[in-house]
Amino acid sequence: MTRCPRCQAEIRAGQDWCLECGAAARTRLAQTPRWRVPVAAGLAVAALCGVALAFAFARLSNTDDDVRAAKAATAAQPAPAASTPAPSPFTTSTGPTGP
């Protein structure tokens, strides 16, 4: 028979847990996984996405300046000269035809 590492109670053969304190007698408990690195990486990605979103919002909100510049550029250009349409090769009549 072996003894419990925590409370020194007797542990029988085939018994994996102490019946007195509940400690693992023959079983090794796994350590918790390292979670700080994945959480830090996720926060870094979220911060970069936030910066990109703020940049895009700032860039798109300045479209008023671009619209004003485009209007000023088109106002400065002279209007194209009006051209007369070419005569149609087809003849049209609105009156009765025939003898």
PDB file of N, CA and C in Angstrom:
ATOM      1  N   MET A   1       0.826  -1.179   0.000  1.00  0.00           N
ATOM      2  CA  MET A   1       0.000   0.000   0.000  1.00  0.00           C
ATOM      3  C   MET A   1       0.877   1.252   0.000  1.00  0.00           C
ATOM      4  N   THR A   2       0.348   2.249  -0.629  1.00  0.00           N
ATOM      5  CA  THR A   2       1.071   3.521  -0.660  1.00  0.00           C
ATOM      6  C   THR A   2       0.290   4.555   0.132  1.00  0.00           C
ATOM      7  N   ARG A   3       0.926   5.656   0.348  1.00  0.00           N
ATOM      8  CA  ARG A   3       0.323   6.753   1.108  1.00  0.00           C
ATOM      9  C   ARG A   3       0.032   7.937   0.178  1.00  0.00           C
ATOM     10  N   CYS A   4      -1.007   8.703   0.511  1.00  0.00           N
ATOM     11  CA  CYS A   4      -1.365   9.906  -0.249  1.00  0.00           C
ATOM     12  C   CYS A   4      -0.277  10.956  -0.051  1.00  0.00           C
ATOM     13  N   PRO A   5       0.169  11.614  -1.132  1.00  0.00           N
ATOM     14  CA  PRO A   5       1.215  12.617  -0.963  1.00  0.00           C
ATOM     15  C   PRO A   5       0.739  13.857  -0.204  1.00  0.00           C
ATOM     16  N   ARG A   6      -0.560  14.085  -0.131  1.00  0.00           N
ATOM     17  CA  ARG A   6      -1.055  15.277   0.545  1.00  0.00           C
ATOM     18  C   ARG A   6      -1.417  15.014   2.006  1.00  0.00           C
ATOM     19  N   CYS A   7      -2.269  13.987   2.257  1.00  0.00           N
ATOM     20  CA  CYS A   7      -2.765  13.781   3.619  1.00  0.00           C
ATOM     21  C   CYS A   7      -2.223  12.512   4.291  1.00  0.00           C
ATOM     22  N   GLN A   8      -1.448  11.759   3.580  1.00  0.00           N
ATOM     23  CA  GLN A   8      -0.818  10.533   4.089  1.00  0.00           C
ATOM     24  C   GLN A   8      -1.819   9.428   4.406  1.00  0.00           C
ATOM     25  N   ALA A   9      -3.020   9.468   3.831  1.00  0.00           N
ATOM     26  CA  ALA A   9      -3.996   8.382   4.011  1.00  0.00           C
ATOM     27  C   ALA A   9      -3.556   7.199   3.152  1.00  0.00           C
ATOM     28  N   GLU A  10      -4.012   6.007   3.535  1.00  0.00           N
ATOM     29  CA  GLU A  10      -3.638   4.813   2.788  1.00  0.00           C
ATOM     30  C   GLU A  10      -4.379   4.774   1.446  1.00  0.00           C
ATOM     31  N   ILE A  11      -3.624   4.394   0.413  1.00  0.00           N
ATOM     32  CA  ILE A  11      -4.186   4.273  -0.933  1.00  0.00           C
ATOM     33  C   ILE A  11      -4.029   2.808  -1.324  1.00  0.00           C
ATOM     34  N   ARG A  12      -5.136   2.176  -1.684  1.00  0.00           N
ATOM     35  CA  ARG A  12      -5.111   0.762  -2.044  1.00  0.00           C
ATOM     36  C   ARG A  12      -4.693   0.582  -3.494  1.00  0.00           C
ATOM     37  N   ALA A  13      -4.407  -0.629  -3.875  1.00  0.00           N
ATOM     38  CA  ALA A  13      -3.988  -0.939  -5.241  1.00  0.00           C
ATOM     39  C   ALA A  13      -5.146  -0.645  -6.209  1.00  0.00           C
ATOM     40  N   GLY A  14      -4.843  -0.025  -7.325  1.00  0.00           N
ATOM     41  CA  GLY A  14      -5.851   0.299  -8.329  1.00  0.00           C
ATOM     42  C   GLY A  14      -6.601   1.584  -8.043  1.00  0.00           C
ATOM     43  N   GLN A  15      -6.302   2.232  -6.944  1.00  0.00           N
ATOM     44  CA  GLN A  15      -6.978   3.479  -6.586  1.00  0.00           C
ATOM     45  C   GLN A  15      -6.132   4.649  -7.100  1.00  0.00           C
ATOM     46  N   ASP A  16      -6.760   5.499  -7.951  1.00  0.00           N
ATOM     47  CA  ASP A  16      -6.005   6.607  -8.537  1.00  0.00           C
ATOM     48  C   ASP A  16      -6.124   7.903  -7.737  1.00  0.00           C
ATOM     49  N   TRP A  17      -7.168   8.027  -6.923  1.00  0.00           N
ATOM     50  CA  TRP A  17      -7.416   9.246  -6.163  1.00  0.00           C
ATOM     51  C   TRP A  17      -7.555   8.919  -4.688  1.00  0.00           C
ATOM     52  N   CYS A  18      -7.137   9.855  -3.867  1.00  0.00           N
ATOM     53  CA  CYS A  18      -7.263   9.681  -2.420  1.00  0.00           C
ATOM     54  C   CYS A  18      -8.728   9.869  -2.033  1.00  0.00           C
ATOM     55  N   LEU A  19      -9.274   8.943  -1.256  1.00  0.00           N
ATOM     56  CA  LEU A  19     -10.663   9.042  -0.827  1.00  0.00           C
ATOM     57  C   LEU A  19     -10.842   9.997   0.337  1.00  0.00           C
ATOM     58  N   GLU A  20      -9.765  10.420   0.950  1.00  0.00           N
ATOM     59  CA  GLU A  20      -9.842  11.339   2.089  1.00  0.00           C
ATOM     60  C   GLU A  20      -9.806  12.800   1.640  1.00  0.00           C
ATOM     61  N   CYS A  21      -8.818  13.159   0.804  1.00  0.00           N
ATOM     62  CA  CYS A  21      -8.659  14.574   0.423  1.00  0.00           C
ATOM     63  C   CYS A  21      -8.938  14.839  -1.052  1.00  0.00           C
ATOM     64  N   GLY A  22      -9.011  13.789  -1.871  1.00  0.00           N
ATOM     65  CA  GLY A  22      -9.311  13.965  -3.289  1.00  0.00           C
ATOM     66  C   GLY A  22      -8.103  14.253  -4.151  1.00  0.00           C
ATOM     67  N   ALA A  23      -6.923  14.167  -3.612  1.00  0.00           N
ATOM     68  CA  ALA A  23      -5.715  14.436  -4.384  1.00  0.00           C
ATOM     69  C   ALA A  23      -5.413  13.255  -5.303  1.00  0.00           C
ATOM     70  N   ALA A  24      -4.703  13.559  -6.384  1.00  0.00           N
ATOM     71  CA  ALA A  24      -4.313  12.498  -7.306  1.00  0.00           C
ATOM     72  C   ALA A  24      -3.200  11.685  -6.678  1.00  0.00           C
ATOM     73  N   ALA A  25      -3.412  10.373  -6.579  1.00  0.00           N
ATOM     74  CA  ALA A  25      -2.419   9.523  -5.946  1.00  0.00           C
ATOM     75  C   ALA A  25      -1.428   8.994  -6.969  1.00  0.00           C
ATOM     76  N   ARG A  26      -1.905   8.458  -8.055  1.00  0.00           N
ATOM     77  CA  ARG A  26      -1.033   7.892  -9.076  1.00  0.00           C
ATOM     78  C   ARG A  26      -1.134   8.644 -10.406  1.00  0.00           C
ATOM     79  N   THR A  27      -1.989   9.615 -10.493  1.00  0.00           N
ATOM     80  CA  THR A  27      -2.230  10.340 -11.736  1.00  0.00           C
ATOM     81  C   THR A  27      -1.512  11.683 -11.682  1.00  0.00           C
ATOM     82  N   ARG A  28      -0.877  12.001 -12.768  1.00  0.00           N
ATOM     83  CA  ARG A  28      -0.233  13.316 -12.846  1.00  0.00           C
ATOM     84  C   ARG A  28      -1.212  14.291 -13.473  1.00  0.00           C
ATOM     85  N   LEU A  29      -1.354  15.431 -12.886  1.00  0.00           N
ATOM     86  CA  LEU A  29      -2.237  16.454 -13.413  1.00  0.00           C
ATOM     87  C   LEU A  29      -1.463  17.301 -14.418  1.00  0.00           C
ATOM     88  N   ALA A  30      -2.069  17.557 -15.537  1.00  0.00           N
ATOM     89  CA  ALA A  30      -1.414  18.372 -16.572  1.00  0.00           C
ATOM     90  C   ALA A  30      -1.445  19.843 -16.163  1.00  0.00           C
ATOM     91  N   GLN A  31      -0.395  20.531 -16.508  1.00  0.00           N
ATOM     92  CA  GLN A  31      -0.352  21.958 -16.231  1.00  0.00           C
ATOM     93  C   GLN A  31      -1.282  22.685 -17.189  1.00  0.00           C
ATOM     94  N   THR A  32      -1.722  23.842 -16.772  1.00  0.00           N
ATOM     95  CA  THR A  32      -2.582  24.641 -17.642  1.00  0.00           C
ATOM     96  C   THR A  32      -1.772  25.111 -18.844  1.00  0.00           C
ATOM     97  N   PRO A  33      -2.412  25.173 -19.996  1.00  0.00           N
ATOM     98  CA  PRO A  33      -1.678  25.617 -21.188  1.00  0.00           C
ATOM     99  C   PRO A  33      -1.313  27.095 -21.078  1.00  0.00           C
ATOM    100  N   ARG A  34      -0.295  27.447 -21.800  1.00  0.00           N
ATOM    101  CA  ARG A  34       0.143  28.846 -21.783  1.00  0.00           C
ATOM    102  C   ARG A  34      -0.818  29.645 -22.651  1.00  0.00           C
ATOM    103  N   TRP A  35      -1.519  30.579 -22.031  1.00  0.00           N
ATOM    104  CA  TRP A  35      -2.541  31.338 -22.736  1.00  0.00           C
ATOM    105  C   TRP A  35      -2.149  32.787 -22.967  1.00  0.00           C
ATOM    106  N   ARG A  36      -1.099  33.247 -22.355  1.00  0.00           N
ATOM    107  CA  ARG A  36      -0.743  34.667 -22.470  1.00  0.00           C
ATOM    108  C   ARG A  36      -0.268  35.037 -23.873  1.00  0.00           C
ATOM    109  N   VAL A  37       0.504  34.186 -24.510  1.00  0.00           N
ATOM    110  CA  VAL A  37       1.018  34.503 -25.853  1.00  0.00           C
ATOM    111  C   VAL A  37      -0.120  34.565 -26.875  1.00  0.00           C
ATOM    112  N   PRO A  38      -1.037  33.587 -26.930  1.00  0.00           N
ATOM    113  CA  PRO A  38      -2.135  33.712 -27.896  1.00  0.00           C
ATOM    114  C   PRO A  38      -3.041  34.908 -27.634  1.00  0.00           C
ATOM    115  N   VAL A  39      -3.290  35.219 -26.378  1.00  0.00           N
ATOM    116  CA  VAL A  39      -4.128  36.379 -26.063  1.00  0.00           C
ATOM    117  C   VAL A  39      -3.422  37.667 -26.479  1.00  0.00           C
ATOM    118  N   ALA A  40      -2.132  37.758 -26.232  1.00  0.00           N
ATOM    119  CA  ALA A  40      -1.382  38.950 -26.622  1.00  0.00           C
ATOM    120  C   ALA A  40      -1.355  39.096 -28.147  1.00  0.00           C
ATOM    121  N   ALA A  41      -1.213  37.989 -28.863  1.00  0.00           N
ATOM    122  CA  ALA A  41      -1.221  38.042 -30.326  1.00  0.00           C
ATOM    123  C   ALA A  41      -2.591  38.462 -30.839  1.00  0.00           C
ATOM    124  N   GLY A  42      -3.640  37.960 -30.253  1.00  0.00           N
ATOM    125  CA  GLY A  42      -4.995  38.366 -30.646  1.00  0.00           C
ATOM    126  C   GLY A  42      -5.251  39.840 -30.396  1.00  0.00           C
ATOM    127  N   LEU A  43      -4.775  40.351 -29.262  1.00  0.00           N
ATOM    128  CA  LEU A  43      -4.928  41.779 -28.976  1.00  0.00           C
ATOM    129  C   LEU A  43      -4.118  42.634 -29.938  1.00  0.00           C
ATOM    130  N   ALA A  44      -2.944  42.162 -30.333  1.00  0.00           N
ATOM    131  CA  ALA A  44      -2.133  42.909 -31.294  1.00  0.00           C
ATOM    132  C   ALA A  44      -2.824  42.975 -32.657  1.00  0.00           C
ATOM    133  N   VAL A  45      -3.404  41.854 -33.084  1.00  0.00           N
ATOM    134  CA  VAL A  45      -4.132  41.837 -34.362  1.00  0.00           C
ATOM    135  C   VAL A  45      -5.345  42.753 -34.285  1.00  0.00           C
ATOM    136  N   ALA A  46      -6.070  42.732 -33.174  1.00  0.00           N
ATOM    137  CA  ALA A  46      -7.230  43.605 -33.007  1.00  0.00           C
ATOM    138  C   ALA A  46      -6.817  45.072 -33.020  1.00  0.00           C
ATOM    139  N   ALA A  47      -5.679  45.398 -32.403  1.00  0.00           N
ATOM    140  CA  ALA A  47      -5.201  46.781 -32.415  1.00  0.00           C
ATOM    141  C   ALA A  47      -4.824  47.221 -33.827  1.00  0.00           C
ATOM    142  N   LEU A  48      -4.172  46.353 -34.588  1.00  0.00           N
ATOM    143  CA  LEU A  48      -3.826  46.695 -35.974  1.00  0.00           C
ATOM    144  C   LEU A  48      -5.080  46.883 -36.826  1.00  0.00           C
ATOM    145  N   CYS A  49      -6.077  46.056 -36.602  1.00  0.00           N
ATOM    146  CA  CYS A  49      -7.341  46.219 -37.333  1.00  0.00           C
ATOM    147  C   CYS A  49      -8.007  47.544 -36.967  1.00  0.00           C
ATOM    148  N   GLY A  50      -7.947  47.920 -35.718  1.00  0.00           N
ATOM    149  CA  GLY A  50      -8.509  49.200 -35.291  1.00  0.00           C
ATOM    150  C   GLY A  50      -7.791  50.375 -35.926  1.00  0.00           C
ATOM    151  N   VAL A  51      -6.466  50.299 -36.008  1.00  0.00           N
ATOM    152  CA  VAL A  51      -5.694  51.368 -36.651  1.00  0.00           C
ATOM    153  C   VAL A  51      -6.036  51.448 -38.133  1.00  0.00           C
ATOM    154  N   ALA A  52      -6.148  50.314 -38.799  1.00  0.00           N
ATOM    155  CA  ALA A  52      -6.497  50.309 -40.222  1.00  0.00           C
ATOM    156  C   ALA A  52      -7.901  50.864 -40.434  1.00  0.00           C
ATOM    157  N   LEU A  53      -8.826  50.536 -39.554  1.00  0.00           N
ATOM    158  CA  LEU A  53     -10.185  51.045 -39.667  1.00  0.00           C
ATOM    159  C   LEU A  53     -10.224  52.552 -39.452  1.00  0.00           C
ATOM    160  N   ALA A  54      -9.478  53.053 -38.491  1.00  0.00           N
ATOM    161  CA  ALA A  54      -9.427  54.498 -38.252  1.00  0.00           C
ATOM    162  C   ALA A  54      -8.803  55.218 -39.443  1.00  0.00           C
ATOM    163  N   PHE A  55      -7.764  54.646 -40.026  1.00  0.00           N
ATOM    164  CA  PHE A  55      -7.139  55.259 -41.190  1.00  0.00           C
ATOM    165  C   PHE A  55      -8.110  55.304 -42.370  1.00  0.00           C
ATOM    166  N   ALA A  56      -8.822  54.206 -42.599  1.00  0.00           N
ATOM    167  CA  ALA A  56      -9.784  54.168 -43.703  1.00  0.00           C
ATOM    168  C   ALA A  56     -10.910  55.162 -43.478  1.00  0.00           C
ATOM    169  N   PHE A  57     -11.387  55.272 -42.252  1.00  0.00           N
ATOM    170  CA  PHE A  57     -12.452  56.220 -41.945  1.00  0.00           C
ATOM    171  C   PHE A  57     -11.979  57.650 -42.161  1.00  0.00           C
ATOM    172  N   ALA A  58     -10.768  57.955 -41.721  1.00  0.00           N
ATOM    173  CA  ALA A  58     -10.238  59.300 -41.913  1.00  0.00           C
ATOM    174  C   ALA A  58     -10.034  59.599 -43.389  1.00  0.00           C
ATOM    175  N   ARG A  59      -9.588  58.624 -44.133  1.00  0.00           N
ATOM    176  CA  ARG A  59      -9.361  58.815 -45.574  1.00  0.00           C
ATOM    177  C   ARG A  59     -10.682  59.028 -46.303  1.00  0.00           C
ATOM    178  N   LEU A  60     -11.691  58.263 -45.951  1.00  0.00           N
ATOM    179  CA  LEU A  60     -12.983  58.391 -46.615  1.00  0.00           C
ATOM    180  C   LEU A  60     -13.741  59.640 -46.177  1.00  0.00           C
ATOM    181  N   SER A  61     -13.498  60.124 -44.985  1.00  0.00           N
ATOM    182  CA  SER A  61     -14.201  61.316 -44.524  1.00  0.00           C
ATOM    183  C   SER A  61     -13.657  62.583 -45.168  1.00  0.00           C
ATOM    184  N   ASN A  62     -12.492  62.530 -45.803  1.00  0.00           N
ATOM    185  CA  ASN A  62     -11.925  63.692 -46.488  1.00  0.00           C
ATOM    186  C   ASN A  62     -12.354  63.756 -47.945  1.00  0.00           C
ATOM    187  N   THR A  63     -13.405  63.076 -48.333  1.00  0.00           N
ATOM    188  CA  THR A  63     -13.843  63.097 -49.726  1.00  0.00           C
ATOM    189  C   THR A  63     -14.450  64.439 -50.095  1.00  0.00           C
ATOM    190  N   ASP A  64     -14.884  65.243 -49.113  1.00  0.00           N
ATOM    191  CA  ASP A  64     -15.421  66.567 -49.427  1.00  0.00           C
ATOM    192  C   ASP A  64     -14.362  67.426 -50.101  1.00  0.00           C
ATOM    193  N   ASP A  65     -13.133  67.344 -49.640  1.00  0.00           N
ATOM    194  CA  ASP A  65     -12.047  68.106 -50.259  1.00  0.00           C
ATOM    195  C   ASP A  65     -11.810  67.640 -51.688  1.00  0.00           C
ATOM    196  N   ASP A  66     -11.884  66.341 -51.916  1.00  0.00           N
ATOM    197  CA  ASP A  66     -11.676  65.807 -53.257  1.00  0.00           C
ATOM    198  C   ASP A  66     -12.798  66.240 -54.199  1.00  0.00           C
ATOM    199  N   VAL A  67     -14.036  66.264 -53.690  1.00  0.00           N
ATOM    200  CA  VAL A  67     -15.169  66.673 -54.519  1.00  0.00           C
ATOM    201  C   VAL A  67     -15.041  68.144 -54.885  1.00  0.00           C
ATOM    202  N   ARG A  68     -14.656  68.982 -53.917  1.00  0.00           N
ATOM    203  CA  ARG A  68     -14.467  70.407 -54.209  1.00  0.00           C
ATOM    204  C   ARG A  68     -13.368  70.623 -55.227  1.00  0.00           C
ATOM    205  N   ALA A  69     -12.285  69.867 -55.130  1.00  0.00           N
ATOM    206  CA  ALA A  69     -11.181  70.005 -56.083  1.00  0.00           C
ATOM    207  C   ALA A  69     -11.629  69.566 -57.472  1.00  0.00           C
ATOM    208  N   ALA A  70     -12.430  68.512 -57.557  1.00  0.00           N
ATOM    209  CA  ALA A  70     -12.909  68.044 -58.860  1.00  0.00           C
ATOM    210  C   ALA A  70     -13.858  69.061 -59.480  1.00  0.00           C
ATOM    211  N   LYS A  71     -14.713  69.690 -58.664  1.00  0.00           N
ATOM    212  CA  LYS A  71     -15.622  70.714 -59.183  1.00  0.00           C
ATOM    213  C   LYS A  71     -14.849  71.932 -59.668  1.00  0.00           C
ATOM    214  N   ALA A  72     -13.832  72.309 -58.948  1.00  0.00           N
ATOM    215  CA  ALA A  72     -13.026  73.457 -59.350  1.00  0.00           C
ATOM    216  C   ALA A  72     -12.292  73.155 -60.653  1.00  0.00           C
ATOM    217  N   ALA A  73     -11.830  71.944 -60.829  1.00  0.00           N
ATOM    218  CA  ALA A  73     -11.111  71.580 -62.046  1.00  0.00           C
ATOM    219  C   ALA A  73     -12.057  71.561 -63.245  1.00  0.00           C
ATOM    220  N   THR A  74     -13.271  71.076 -63.068  1.00  0.00           N
ATOM    221  CA  THR A  74     -14.214  71.050 -64.188  1.00  0.00           C
ATOM    222  C   THR A  74     -14.753  72.436 -64.483  1.00  0.00           C
ATOM    223  N   ALA A  75     -14.866  73.311 -63.502  1.00  0.00           N
ATOM    224  CA  ALA A  75     -15.341  74.671 -63.735  1.00  0.00           C
ATOM    225  C   ALA A  75     -14.289  75.479 -64.478  1.00  0.00           C
ATOM    226  N   ALA A  76     -13.030  75.182 -64.283  1.00  0.00           N
ATOM    227  CA  ALA A  76     -11.965  75.927 -64.940  1.00  0.00           C
ATOM    228  C   ALA A  76     -11.832  75.549 -66.405  1.00  0.00           C
ATOM    229  N   GLN A  77     -12.275  74.374 -66.795  1.00  0.00           N
ATOM    230  CA  GLN A  77     -12.171  73.936 -68.182  1.00  0.00           C
ATOM    231  C   GLN A  77     -13.301  74.573 -68.989  1.00  0.00           C
ATOM    232  N   PRO A  78     -13.006  75.035 -70.208  1.00  0.00           N
ATOM    233  CA  PRO A  78     -14.077  75.614 -71.027  1.00  0.00           C
ATOM    234  C   PRO A  78     -15.032  74.517 -71.484  1.00  0.00           C
ATOM    235  N   ALA A  79     -16.277  74.926 -71.662  1.00  0.00           N
ATOM    236  CA  ALA A  79     -17.282  73.971 -72.116  1.00  0.00           C
ATOM    237  C   ALA A  79     -16.991  73.604 -73.567  1.00  0.00           C
ATOM    238  N   PRO A  80     -17.232  72.366 -73.966  1.00  0.00           N
ATOM    239  CA  PRO A  80     -16.972  71.980 -75.348  1.00  0.00           C
ATOM    240  C   PRO A  80     -17.923  72.725 -76.288  1.00  0.00           C
ATOM    241  N   ALA A  81     -17.427  73.050 -77.463  1.00  0.00           N
ATOM    242  CA  ALA A  81     -18.233  73.779 -78.436  1.00  0.00           C
ATOM    243  C   ALA A  81     -19.372  72.886 -78.907  1.00  0.00           C
ATOM    244  N   ALA A  82     -20.524  73.528 -79.076  1.00  0.00           N
ATOM    245  CA  ALA A  82     -21.688  72.771 -79.537  1.00  0.00           C
ATOM    246  C   ALA A  82     -21.501  72.440 -81.005  1.00  0.00           C
ATOM    247  N   SER A  83     -21.720  71.222 -81.346  1.00  0.00           N
ATOM    248  CA  SER A  83     -21.559  70.817 -82.738  1.00  0.00           C
ATOM    249  C   SER A  83     -22.932  70.527 -83.322  1.00  0.00           C
ATOM    250  N   THR A  84     -23.058  70.781 -84.591  1.00  0.00           N
ATOM    251  CA  THR A  84     -24.334  70.504 -85.252  1.00  0.00           C
ATOM    252  C   THR A  84     -24.340  69.036 -85.665  1.00  0.00           C
ATOM    253  N   PRO A  85     -25.458  68.393 -85.512  1.00  0.00           N
ATOM    254  CA  PRO A  85     -25.500  66.979 -85.878  1.00  0.00           C
ATOM    255  C   PRO A  85     -25.412  66.811 -87.391  1.00  0.00           C
ATOM    256  N   ALA A  86     -24.864  65.731 -87.807  1.00  0.00           N
ATOM    257  CA  ALA A  86     -24.747  65.432 -89.234  1.00  0.00           C
ATOM    258  C   ALA A  86     -26.136  65.139 -89.798  1.00  0.00           C
ATOM    259  N   PRO A  87     -26.382  65.510 -91.051  1.00  0.00           N
ATOM    260  CA  PRO A  87     -27.706  65.237 -91.626  1.00  0.00           C
ATOM    261  C   PRO A  87     -27.933  63.729 -91.760  1.00  0.00           C
ATOM    262  N   SER A  88     -29.177  63.342 -91.570  1.00  0.00           N
ATOM    263  CA  SER A  88     -29.538  61.924 -91.626  1.00  0.00           C
ATOM    264  C   SER A  88     -29.665  61.478 -93.083  1.00  0.00           C
ATOM    265  N   PRO A  89     -29.193  60.292 -93.405  1.00  0.00           N
ATOM    266  CA  PRO A  89     -29.338  59.806 -94.777  1.00  0.00           C
ATOM    267  C   PRO A  89     -30.771  59.337 -95.081  1.00  0.00           C
ATOM    268  N   PHE A  90     -31.597  59.281 -94.080  1.00  0.00           N
ATOM    269  CA  PHE A  90     -32.970  58.821 -94.262  1.00  0.00           C
ATOM    270  C   PHE A  90     -33.889  60.023 -94.441  1.00  0.00           C
ATOM    271  N   THR A  91     -34.880  59.860 -95.269  1.00  0.00           N
ATOM    272  CA  THR A  91     -35.861  60.934 -95.466  1.00  0.00           C
ATOM    273  C   THR A  91     -37.136  60.558 -94.741  1.00  0.00           C
ATOM    274  N   THR A  92     -37.750  61.543 -94.169  1.00  0.00           N
ATOM    275  CA  THR A  92     -38.992  61.320 -93.454  1.00  0.00           C
ATOM    276  C   THR A  92     -40.063  62.243 -94.037  1.00  0.00           C
ATOM    277  N   SER A  93     -41.255  61.769 -94.053  1.00  0.00           N
ATOM    278  CA  SER A  93     -42.359  62.607 -94.491  1.00  0.00           C
ATOM    279  C   SER A  93     -43.525  62.368 -93.565  1.00  0.00           C
ATOM    280  N   THR A  94     -44.286  63.411 -93.373  1.00  0.00           N
ATOM    281  CA  THR A  94     -45.437  63.291 -92.499  1.00  0.00           C
ATOM    282  C   THR A  94     -46.761  63.303 -93.248  1.00  0.00           C
ATOM    283  N   GLY A  95     -46.694  63.572 -94.552  1.00  0.00           N
ATOM    284  CA  GLY A  95     -47.919  63.652 -95.331  1.00  0.00           C
ATOM    285  C   GLY A  95     -48.230  62.332 -96.033  1.00  0.00           C
ATOM    286  N   PRO A  96     -49.365  62.286 -96.749  1.00  0.00           N
ATOM    287  CA  PRO A  96     -49.709  61.055 -97.477  1.00  0.00           C
ATOM    288  C   PRO A  96     -48.772  60.828 -98.652  1.00  0.00           C
ATOM    289  N   THR A  97     -48.512  59.615 -98.921  1.00  0.00           N
ATOM    290  CA  THR A  97     -47.644  59.264-100.023  1.00  0.00           C
ATOM    291  C   THR A  97     -48.466  58.652-101.138  1.00  0.00           C
ATOM    292  N   GLY A  98     -47.970  58.743-102.326  1.00  0.00           N
ATOM    293  CA  GLY A  98     -48.647  58.103-103.450  1.00  0.00           C
ATOM    294  C   GLY A  98     -49.373  59.103-104.337  1.00  0.00           C
ATOM    295  N   PRO A  99     -50.028  58.672-105.459  1.00  0.00           N
ATOM    296  CA  PRO A  99     -50.680  59.585-106.423  1.00  0.00           C
ATOM    297  C   PRO A  99     -51.985  60.162-106.006  1.00  0.00           C
TER     298      PRO A  99
END
